[in-house]
Amino acid sequence: MDMMNSFGKIAAPTLPTTDFNYETECRTALAPLVDGLLDAVESAGWNRRKAAYTLMFLSAQRFGAGKEERK
């Protein structure tokens, strides 16, 4: 299932990674996607808080992992 199609397009960065506001711009791009994902998870019957914790865990786990390691 390709979930990204249901969330729409992610805006490309306009700032270099070294810019102080790069992370703020990234948060702005990701916030609606995370909100939509948590809304969908909650609508499916999952606890929103536990799902948010799980997203943090999965993000940390996948940080630096290659595509093959994520499967």
PDB file of N, CA and C in Angstrom:
ATOM      1  N   MET A   1       0.837  -1.179   0.000  1.00  0.00           N
ATOM      2  CA  MET A   1       0.000   0.000   0.000  1.00  0.00           C
ATOM      3  C   MET A   1       0.885   1.246   0.000  1.00  0.00           C
ATOM      4  N   ASP A   2       0.653   2.150  -0.894  1.00  0.00           N
ATOM      5  CA  ASP A   2       1.438   3.379  -0.990  1.00  0.00           C
ATOM      6  C   ASP A   2       0.720   4.484  -0.231  1.00  0.00           C
ATOM      7  N   MET A   3       1.071   4.645   1.039  1.00  0.00           N
ATOM      8  CA  MET A   3       0.406   5.625   1.894  1.00  0.00           C
ATOM      9  C   MET A   3       0.720   7.058   1.489  1.00  0.00           C
ATOM     10  N   MET A   4       1.875   7.312   0.899  1.00  0.00           N
ATOM     11  CA  MET A   4       2.241   8.691   0.568  1.00  0.00           C
ATOM     12  C   MET A   4       1.262   9.313  -0.415  1.00  0.00           C
ATOM     13  N   ASN A   5       0.668   8.520  -1.296  1.00  0.00           N
ATOM     14  CA  ASN A   5      -0.306   9.072  -2.228  1.00  0.00           C
ATOM     15  C   ASN A   5      -1.507   9.645  -1.503  1.00  0.00           C
ATOM     16  N   SER A   6      -1.867   9.069  -0.367  1.00  0.00           N
ATOM     17  CA  SER A   6      -3.026   9.559   0.374  1.00  0.00           C
ATOM     18  C   SER A   6      -2.709  10.818   1.174  1.00  0.00           C
ATOM     19  N   PHE A   7      -1.440  11.124   1.359  1.00  0.00           N
ATOM     20  CA  PHE A   7      -1.060  12.299   2.134  1.00  0.00           C
ATOM     21  C   PHE A   7      -0.707  13.496   1.265  1.00  0.00           C
ATOM     22  N   GLY A   8      -0.542  13.297  -0.004  1.00  0.00           N
ATOM     23  CA  GLY A   8      -0.211  14.411  -0.876  1.00  0.00           C
ATOM     24  C   GLY A   8       1.282  14.625  -1.012  1.00  0.00           C
ATOM     25  N   LYS A   9       1.614  15.706  -1.673  1.00  0.00           N
ATOM     26  CA  LYS A   9       3.008  16.010  -1.972  1.00  0.00           C
ATOM     27  C   LYS A   9       3.661  16.754  -0.813  1.00  0.00           C
ATOM     28  N   ILE A  10       4.897  16.432  -0.544  1.00  0.00           N
ATOM     29  CA  ILE A  10       5.672  17.104   0.497  1.00  0.00           C
ATOM     30  C   ILE A  10       6.453  18.239  -0.155  1.00  0.00           C
ATOM     31  N   ALA A  11       6.357  19.414   0.433  1.00  0.00           N
ATOM     32  CA  ALA A  11       7.073  20.574  -0.101  1.00  0.00           C
ATOM     33  C   ALA A  11       8.583  20.363  -0.007  1.00  0.00           C
ATOM     34  N   ALA A  12       9.284  20.770  -1.029  1.00  0.00           N
ATOM     35  CA  ALA A  12      10.744  20.680  -1.042  1.00  0.00           C
ATOM     36  C   ALA A  12      11.332  21.796  -0.177  1.00  0.00           C
ATOM     37  N   PRO A  13      12.496  21.557   0.404  1.00  0.00           N
ATOM     38  CA  PRO A  13      13.118  22.614   1.206  1.00  0.00           C
ATOM     39  C   PRO A  13      13.560  23.782   0.330  1.00  0.00           C
ATOM     40  N   THR A  14      13.508  24.962   0.904  1.00  0.00           N
ATOM     41  CA  THR A  14      13.989  26.156   0.196  1.00  0.00           C
ATOM     42  C   THR A  14      15.260  26.688   0.824  1.00  0.00           C
ATOM     43  N   LEU A  15      15.651  26.096   1.950  1.00  0.00           N
ATOM     44  CA  LEU A  15      16.824  26.549   2.689  1.00  0.00           C
ATOM     45  C   LEU A  15      17.889  25.459   2.706  1.00  0.00           C
ATOM     46  N   PRO A  16      19.157  25.827   2.813  1.00  0.00           N
ATOM     47  CA  PRO A  16      20.201  24.811   2.956  1.00  0.00           C
ATOM     48  C   PRO A  16      20.120  24.168   4.346  1.00  0.00           C
ATOM     49  N   THR A  17      20.614  22.958   4.477  1.00  0.00           N
ATOM     50  CA  THR A  17      20.551  22.248   5.756  1.00  0.00           C
ATOM     51  C   THR A  17      21.302  22.981   6.862  1.00  0.00           C
ATOM     52  N   THR A  18      22.207  23.840   6.516  1.00  0.00           N
ATOM     53  CA  THR A  18      22.982  24.586   7.511  1.00  0.00           C
ATOM     54  C   THR A  18      22.251  25.832   8.018  1.00  0.00           C
ATOM     55  N   ASP A  19      21.152  26.190   7.383  1.00  0.00           N
ATOM     56  CA  ASP A  19      20.394  27.379   7.791  1.00  0.00           C
ATOM     57  C   ASP A  19      19.683  27.124   9.116  1.00  0.00           C
ATOM     58  N   PHE A  20      19.680  28.113   9.991  1.00  0.00           N
ATOM     59  CA  PHE A  20      19.053  28.008  11.305  1.00  0.00           C
ATOM     60  C   PHE A  20      17.571  27.641  11.201  1.00  0.00           C
ATOM     61  N   ASN A  21      16.892  28.072  10.170  1.00  0.00           N
ATOM     62  CA  ASN A  21      15.457  27.839  10.014  1.00  0.00           C
ATOM     63  C   ASN A  21      15.104  26.591   9.209  1.00  0.00           C
ATOM     64  N   TYR A  22      16.102  25.805   8.825  1.00  0.00           N
ATOM     65  CA  TYR A  22      15.855  24.598   8.035  1.00  0.00           C
ATOM     66  C   TYR A  22      14.907  23.638   8.766  1.00  0.00           C
ATOM     67  N   GLU A  23      15.187  23.389  10.049  1.00  0.00           N
ATOM     68  CA  GLU A  23      14.341  22.455  10.803  1.00  0.00           C
ATOM     69  C   GLU A  23      12.932  22.990  10.984  1.00  0.00           C
ATOM     70  N   THR A  24      12.789  24.290  11.150  1.00  0.00           N
ATOM     71  CA  THR A  24      11.460  24.897  11.258  1.00  0.00           C
ATOM     72  C   THR A  24      10.686  24.689   9.966  1.00  0.00           C
ATOM     73  N   GLU A  25      11.357  24.884   8.844  1.00  0.00           N
ATOM     74  CA  GLU A  25      10.719  24.663   7.546  1.00  0.00           C
ATOM     75  C   GLU A  25      10.318  23.196   7.381  1.00  0.00           C
ATOM     76  N   CYS A  26      11.171  22.300   7.836  1.00  0.00           N
ATOM     77  CA  CYS A  26      10.875  20.871   7.757  1.00  0.00           C
ATOM     78  C   CYS A  26       9.659  20.530   8.618  1.00  0.00           C
ATOM     79  N   ARG A  27       9.610  21.088   9.823  1.00  0.00           N
ATOM     80  CA  ARG A  27       8.451  20.858  10.696  1.00  0.00           C
ATOM     81  C   ARG A  27       7.167  21.344  10.042  1.00  0.00           C
ATOM     82  N   THR A  28       7.245  22.501   9.399  1.00  0.00           N
ATOM     83  CA  THR A  28       6.080  23.062   8.723  1.00  0.00           C
ATOM     84  C   THR A  28       5.604  22.143   7.603  1.00  0.00           C
ATOM     85  N   ALA A  29       6.539  21.524   6.901  1.00  0.00           N
ATOM     86  CA  ALA A  29       6.188  20.615   5.804  1.00  0.00           C
ATOM     87  C   ALA A  29       5.613  19.301   6.324  1.00  0.00           C
ATOM     88  N   LEU A  30       6.142  18.826   7.446  1.00  0.00           N
ATOM     89  CA  LEU A  30       5.731  17.517   7.966  1.00  0.00           C
ATOM     90  C   LEU A  30       4.504  17.554   8.870  1.00  0.00           C
ATOM     91  N   ALA A  31       4.252  18.668   9.534  1.00  0.00           N
ATOM     92  CA  ALA A  31       3.162  18.741  10.516  1.00  0.00           C
ATOM     93  C   ALA A  31       1.812  18.300   9.960  1.00  0.00           C
ATOM     94  N   PRO A  32       1.387  18.797   8.784  1.00  0.00           N
ATOM     95  CA  PRO A  32       0.079  18.351   8.287  1.00  0.00           C
ATOM     96  C   PRO A  32       0.051  16.859   7.952  1.00  0.00           C
ATOM     97  N   LEU A  33       1.186  16.320   7.539  1.00  0.00           N
ATOM     98  CA  LEU A  33       1.247  14.883   7.235  1.00  0.00           C
ATOM     99  C   LEU A  33       1.124  14.057   8.507  1.00  0.00           C
ATOM    100  N   VAL A  34       1.813  14.476   9.556  1.00  0.00           N
ATOM    101  CA  VAL A  34       1.737  13.769  10.827  1.00  0.00           C
ATOM    102  C   VAL A  34       0.328  13.888  11.400  1.00  0.00           C
ATOM    103  N   ASP A  35      -0.250  15.089  11.329  1.00  0.00           N
ATOM    104  CA  ASP A  35      -1.631  15.274  11.803  1.00  0.00           C
ATOM    105  C   ASP A  35      -2.587  14.352  11.058  1.00  0.00           C
ATOM    106  N   GLY A  36      -2.445  14.286   9.745  1.00  0.00           N
ATOM    107  CA  GLY A  36      -3.307  13.421   8.935  1.00  0.00           C
ATOM    108  C   GLY A  36      -3.123  11.959   9.273  1.00  0.00           C
ATOM    109  N   LEU A  37      -1.882  11.552   9.481  1.00  0.00           N
ATOM    110  CA  LEU A  37      -1.602  10.160   9.834  1.00  0.00           C
ATOM    111  C   LEU A  37      -2.204   9.822  11.198  1.00  0.00           C
ATOM    112  N   LEU A  38      -2.011  10.699  12.167  1.00  0.00           N
ATOM    113  CA  LEU A  38      -2.576  10.447  13.496  1.00  0.00           C
ATOM    114  C   LEU A  38      -4.102  10.471  13.471  1.00  0.00           C
ATOM    115  N   ASP A  39      -4.690  11.346  12.668  1.00  0.00           N
ATOM    116  CA  ASP A  39      -6.150  11.352  12.520  1.00  0.00           C
ATOM    117  C   ASP A  39      -6.636  10.019  11.951  1.00  0.00           C
ATOM    118  N   ALA A  40      -5.930   9.515  10.927  1.00  0.00           N
ATOM    119  CA  ALA A  40      -6.308   8.254  10.290  1.00  0.00           C
ATOM    120  C   ALA A  40      -6.145   7.083  11.255  1.00  0.00           C
ATOM    121  N   VAL A  41      -5.059   7.095  12.019  1.00  0.00           N
ATOM    122  CA  VAL A  41      -4.804   6.038  12.995  1.00  0.00           C
ATOM    123  C   VAL A  41      -5.893   6.033  14.066  1.00  0.00           C
ATOM    124  N   GLU A  42      -6.240   7.230  14.534  1.00  0.00           N
ATOM    125  CA  GLU A  42      -7.277   7.347  15.560  1.00  0.00           C
ATOM    126  C   GLU A  42      -8.638   6.904  15.008  1.00  0.00           C
ATOM    127  N   SER A  43      -8.926   7.269  13.769  1.00  0.00           N
ATOM    128  CA  SER A  43     -10.185   6.855  13.138  1.00  0.00           C
ATOM    129  C   SER A  43     -10.271   5.344  12.985  1.00  0.00           C
ATOM    130  N   ALA A  44      -9.125   4.705  12.848  1.00  0.00           N
ATOM    131  CA  ALA A  44      -9.098   3.246  12.723  1.00  0.00           C
ATOM    132  C   ALA A  44      -9.242   2.553  14.077  1.00  0.00           C
ATOM    133  N   GLY A  45      -9.234   3.351  15.166  1.00  0.00           N
ATOM    134  CA  GLY A  45      -9.442   2.767  16.478  1.00  0.00           C
ATOM    135  C   GLY A  45      -8.226   2.731  17.382  1.00  0.00           C
ATOM    136  N   TRP A  46      -7.087   3.207  16.891  1.00  0.00           N
ATOM    137  CA  TRP A  46      -5.875   3.215  17.703  1.00  0.00           C
ATOM    138  C   TRP A  46      -5.887   4.420  18.633  1.00  0.00           C
ATOM    139  N   ASN A  47      -5.204   4.291  19.760  1.00  0.00           N
ATOM    140  CA  ASN A  47      -5.048   5.382  20.704  1.00  0.00           C
ATOM    141  C   ASN A  47      -4.051   6.388  20.120  1.00  0.00           C
ATOM    142  N   ARG A  48      -4.464   7.646  19.995  1.00  0.00           N
ATOM    143  CA  ARG A  48      -3.653   8.674  19.351  1.00  0.00           C
ATOM    144  C   ARG A  48      -2.308   8.877  20.069  1.00  0.00           C
ATOM    145  N   ARG A  49      -2.320   8.936  21.396  1.00  0.00           N
ATOM    146  CA  ARG A  49      -1.081   9.153  22.158  1.00  0.00           C
ATOM    147  C   ARG A  49      -0.102   7.997  21.956  1.00  0.00           C
ATOM    148  N   LYS A  50      -0.607   6.764  22.035  1.00  0.00           N
ATOM    149  CA  LYS A  50       0.282   5.610  21.840  1.00  0.00           C
ATOM    150  C   LYS A  50       0.800   5.550  20.410  1.00  0.00           C
ATOM    151  N   ALA A  51      -0.023   5.949  19.457  1.00  0.00           N
ATOM    152  CA  ALA A  51       0.419   5.981  18.063  1.00  0.00           C
ATOM    153  C   ALA A  51       1.512   7.034  17.876  1.00  0.00           C
ATOM    154  N   ALA A  52       1.382   8.180  18.539  1.00  0.00           N
ATOM    155  CA  ALA A  52       2.418   9.218  18.446  1.00  0.00           C
ATOM    156  C   ALA A  52       3.731   8.714  19.034  1.00  0.00           C
ATOM    157  N   TYR A  53       3.650   8.022  20.188  1.00  0.00           N
ATOM    158  CA  TYR A  53       4.859   7.427  20.766  1.00  0.00           C
ATOM    159  C   TYR A  53       5.477   6.412  19.812  1.00  0.00           C
ATOM    160  N   THR A  54       4.631   5.627  19.170  1.00  0.00           N
ATOM    161  CA  THR A  54       5.116   4.619  18.226  1.00  0.00           C
ATOM    162  C   THR A  54       5.794   5.276  17.036  1.00  0.00           C
ATOM    163  N   LEU A  55       5.251   6.393  16.555  1.00  0.00           N
ATOM    164  CA  LEU A  55       5.897   7.125  15.459  1.00  0.00           C
ATOM    165  C   LEU A  55       7.282   7.626  15.872  1.00  0.00           C
ATOM    166  N   MET A  56       7.395   8.109  17.103  1.00  0.00           N
ATOM    167  CA  MET A  56       8.710   8.549  17.588  1.00  0.00           C
ATOM    168  C   MET A  56       9.683   7.376  17.626  1.00  0.00           C
ATOM    169  N   PHE A  57       9.216   6.227  18.110  1.00  0.00           N
ATOM    170  CA  PHE A  57      10.060   5.044  18.175  1.00  0.00           C
ATOM    171  C   PHE A  57      10.507   4.623  16.775  1.00  0.00           C
ATOM    172  N   LEU A  58       9.540   4.537  15.850  1.00  0.00           N
ATOM    173  CA  LEU A  58       9.867   4.105  14.489  1.00  0.00           C
ATOM    174  C   LEU A  58      10.819   5.084  13.807  1.00  0.00           C
ATOM    175  N   SER A  59      10.629   6.370  14.044  1.00  0.00           N
ATOM    176  CA  SER A  59      11.519   7.376  13.455  1.00  0.00           C
ATOM    177  C   SER A  59      12.940   7.199  13.968  1.00  0.00           C
ATOM    178  N   ALA A  60      13.084   7.017  15.276  1.00  0.00           N
ATOM    179  CA  ALA A  60      14.408   6.821  15.860  1.00  0.00           C
ATOM    180  C   ALA A  60      15.044   5.527  15.366  1.00  0.00           C
ATOM    181  N   GLN A  61      14.240   4.491  15.269  1.00  0.00           N
ATOM    182  CA  GLN A  61      14.736   3.188  14.818  1.00  0.00           C
ATOM    183  C   GLN A  61      15.233   3.255  13.380  1.00  0.00           C
ATOM    184  N   ARG A  62      14.527   4.020  12.569  1.00  0.00           N
ATOM    185  CA  ARG A  62      14.849   4.069  11.149  1.00  0.00           C
ATOM    186  C   ARG A  62      15.888   5.129  10.800  1.00  0.00           C
ATOM    187  N   PHE A  63      16.225   5.984  11.733  1.00  0.00           N
ATOM    188  CA  PHE A  63      17.223   7.008  11.488  1.00  0.00           C
ATOM    189  C   PHE A  63      18.534   6.341  11.083  1.00  0.00           C
ATOM    190  N   GLY A  64      18.972   6.623   9.888  1.00  0.00           N
ATOM    191  CA  GLY A  64      20.202   6.048   9.387  1.00  0.00           C
ATOM    192  C   GLY A  64      20.062   4.667   8.773  1.00  0.00           C
ATOM    193  N   ALA A  65      18.897   4.056   8.897  1.00  0.00           N
ATOM    194  CA  ALA A  65      18.700   2.723   8.314  1.00  0.00           C
ATOM    195  C   ALA A  65      18.515   2.842   6.809  1.00  0.00           C
ATOM    196  N   GLY A  66      19.103   1.930   6.079  1.00  0.00           N
ATOM    197  CA  GLY A  66      18.928   1.902   4.630  1.00  0.00           C
ATOM    198  C   GLY A  66      17.559   1.362   4.270  1.00  0.00           C
ATOM    199  N   LYS A  67      17.189   1.513   3.013  1.00  0.00           N
ATOM    200  CA  LYS A  67      15.868   1.065   2.556  1.00  0.00           C
ATOM    201  C   LYS A  67      15.646  -0.421   2.808  1.00  0.00           C
ATOM    202  N   GLU A  68      16.638  -1.226   2.593  1.00  0.00           N
ATOM    203  CA  GLU A  68      16.499  -2.667   2.800  1.00  0.00           C
ATOM    204  C   GLU A  68      16.272  -2.993   4.279  1.00  0.00           C
ATOM    205  N   GLU A  69      16.865  -2.224   5.179  1.00  0.00           N
ATOM    206  CA  GLU A  69      16.717  -2.479   6.612  1.00  0.00           C
ATOM    207  C   GLU A  69      15.325  -2.109   7.110  1.00  0.00           C
ATOM    208  N   ARG A  70      14.605  -1.261   6.383  1.00  0.00           N
ATOM    209  CA  ARG A  70      13.288  -0.808   6.812  1.00  0.00           C
ATOM    210  C   ARG A  70      12.175  -1.764   6.423  1.00  0.00           C
ATOM    211  N   LYS A  71      12.457  -2.734   5.599  1.00  0.00           N
ATOM    212  CA  LYS A  71      11.413  -3.656   5.127  1.00  0.00           C
ATOM    213  C   LYS A  71      11.081  -4.684   6.170  1.00  0.00           C
TER     214      LYS A  71
END
